[in-house]
Amino acid sequence: MNPFDHFAKRQLGCRAYLRYSEGFPFLGFIIYPEHRRLKRRKGVFYQRKLHSLVKDYCERNISFEDVTASVQGWVNHVRYADTWGLRKAILRTCNL
């Protein structure tokens, strides 16, 4: 930590002081000054959920509209981060 960081933590008593260059989690994203990334476990979780949805659709337990609504909702949420490659990779793995 530089002298300003020490001043903010010790003199001002800011226990929750966070440097501007450090990322912090918010709504499943890691926020950086110049970009946002999706937390890894959120991508892994949705990939597993999508495979489960596709399996349920193939077994005719849910409708295609349910799968579509889930995919559209997830894509609409993660589009606020740098996830173009992630979206392509996850959606490429599901075969409907």
Protein backbone atom coordinates (compact mmCIF):
# COMPACT_ATOMS: atom_id res chain seq x y z
CA MET A 1 0.00 0.00 0.00
CA ASN A 2 1.21 3.50 -0.72
CA PRO A 3 1.20 6.37 1.81
CA PHE A 4 -2.25 7.56 0.75
CA ASP A 5 -3.69 4.10 1.37
CA HIS A 6 -2.15 4.04 4.83
CA PHE A 7 -3.56 7.50 5.53
CA ALA A 8 -7.07 6.50 4.45
CA LYS A 9 -7.06 3.32 6.52
CA ARG A 10 -5.24 4.51 9.66
CA GLN A 11 -5.85 8.25 9.98
CA LEU A 12 -9.36 8.41 8.54
CA GLY A 13 -10.37 5.02 9.94
CA CYS A 14 -11.91 3.75 6.69
CA ARG A 15 -12.19 0.01 7.30
CA ALA A 16 -13.82 -0.61 3.93
CA TYR A 17 -11.30 1.43 1.92
CA LEU A 18 -10.81 -0.06 -1.56
CA ARG A 19 -8.28 1.14 -4.06
CA TYR A 20 -9.71 2.28 -7.37
CA SER A 21 -7.64 -0.24 -9.34
CA GLU A 22 -8.82 -3.27 -7.39
CA GLY A 23 -11.82 -5.19 -8.69
CA PHE A 24 -14.83 -5.73 -6.47
CA PRO A 25 -17.81 -8.06 -6.91
CA PHE A 26 -21.26 -6.64 -7.65
CA LEU A 27 -24.26 -8.59 -9.01
CA GLY A 28 -22.04 -11.43 -10.21
CA PHE A 29 -19.52 -9.15 -11.92
CA ILE A 30 -16.01 -8.06 -11.00
CA ILE A 31 -15.80 -4.32 -11.58
CA TYR A 32 -12.54 -2.80 -12.81
CA PRO A 33 -12.00 0.86 -13.72
CA GLU A 34 -11.98 0.13 -17.46
CA HIS A 35 -14.10 -3.02 -17.82
CA ARG A 36 -16.34 -5.59 -16.12
CA ARG A 37 -15.92 -9.35 -15.98
CA LEU A 38 -18.37 -12.05 -15.01
CA LYS A 39 -17.34 -14.05 -11.96
CA ARG A 40 -16.10 -17.46 -13.06
CA ARG A 41 -18.47 -19.43 -10.88
CA LYS A 42 -21.47 -17.62 -12.40
CA GLY A 43 -20.48 -18.79 -15.88
CA VAL A 44 -19.87 -22.35 -14.68
CA PHE A 45 -23.20 -22.37 -12.83
CA TYR A 46 -25.15 -21.25 -15.89
CA GLN A 47 -23.39 -23.75 -18.14
CA ARG A 48 -24.52 -26.54 -15.81
CA LYS A 49 -28.03 -25.10 -15.64
CA LEU A 50 -28.22 -24.85 -19.43
CA HIS A 51 -27.21 -28.48 -19.86
CA SER A 52 -29.90 -29.43 -17.36
CA LEU A 53 -32.48 -27.35 -19.23
CA VAL A 54 -31.53 -28.95 -22.55
CA LYS A 55 -31.78 -32.42 -21.00
CA ASP A 56 -35.22 -31.59 -19.59
CA TYR A 57 -36.31 -30.25 -22.99
CA CYS A 58 -35.12 -33.40 -24.77
CA GLU A 59 -37.07 -35.49 -22.25
CA ARG A 60 -40.09 -33.22 -22.90
CA ASN A 61 -40.29 -32.07 -19.27
CA ILE A 62 -40.16 -28.38 -20.22
CA SER A 63 -41.05 -26.40 -23.31
CA PHE A 64 -38.69 -24.75 -25.77
CA GLU A 65 -40.03 -21.37 -24.63
CA ASP A 66 -38.77 -22.09 -21.09
CA VAL A 67 -35.27 -22.78 -22.42
CA THR A 68 -35.39 -19.69 -24.61
CA ALA A 69 -36.56 -17.48 -21.74
CA SER A 70 -33.71 -18.70 -19.53
CA VAL A 71 -31.08 -18.13 -22.23
CA GLN A 72 -32.43 -14.68 -23.10
CA GLY A 73 -32.52 -13.65 -19.44
CA TRP A 74 -28.95 -14.81 -18.83
CA VAL A 75 -27.62 -13.18 -22.01
CA ASN A 76 -29.40 -9.94 -21.15
CA HIS A 77 -27.73 -9.93 -17.72
CA VAL A 78 -24.18 -10.86 -18.75
CA ARG A 79 -24.06 -8.53 -21.76
CA TYR A 80 -23.12 -5.72 -19.38
CA ALA A 81 -19.68 -7.30 -18.99
CA ASP A 82 -16.98 -8.38 -21.42
CA THR A 83 -18.59 -11.75 -22.12
CA TRP A 84 -18.84 -12.10 -25.89
CA GLY A 85 -16.45 -15.06 -26.03
CA LEU A 86 -17.98 -16.67 -22.96
CA ARG A 87 -21.49 -16.43 -24.40
CA LYS A 88 -20.35 -17.97 -27.69
CA ALA A 89 -18.54 -20.79 -25.91
CA ILE A 90 -21.41 -21.68 -23.57
CA LEU A 91 -24.15 -21.46 -26.18
CA ARG A 92 -22.09 -23.42 -28.71
CA THR A 93 -21.96 -26.42 -26.34
CA CYS A 94 -25.74 -26.88 -26.16
CA ASN A 95 -27.38 -28.74 -29.01
CA LEU A 96 -31.11 -28.29 -29.45
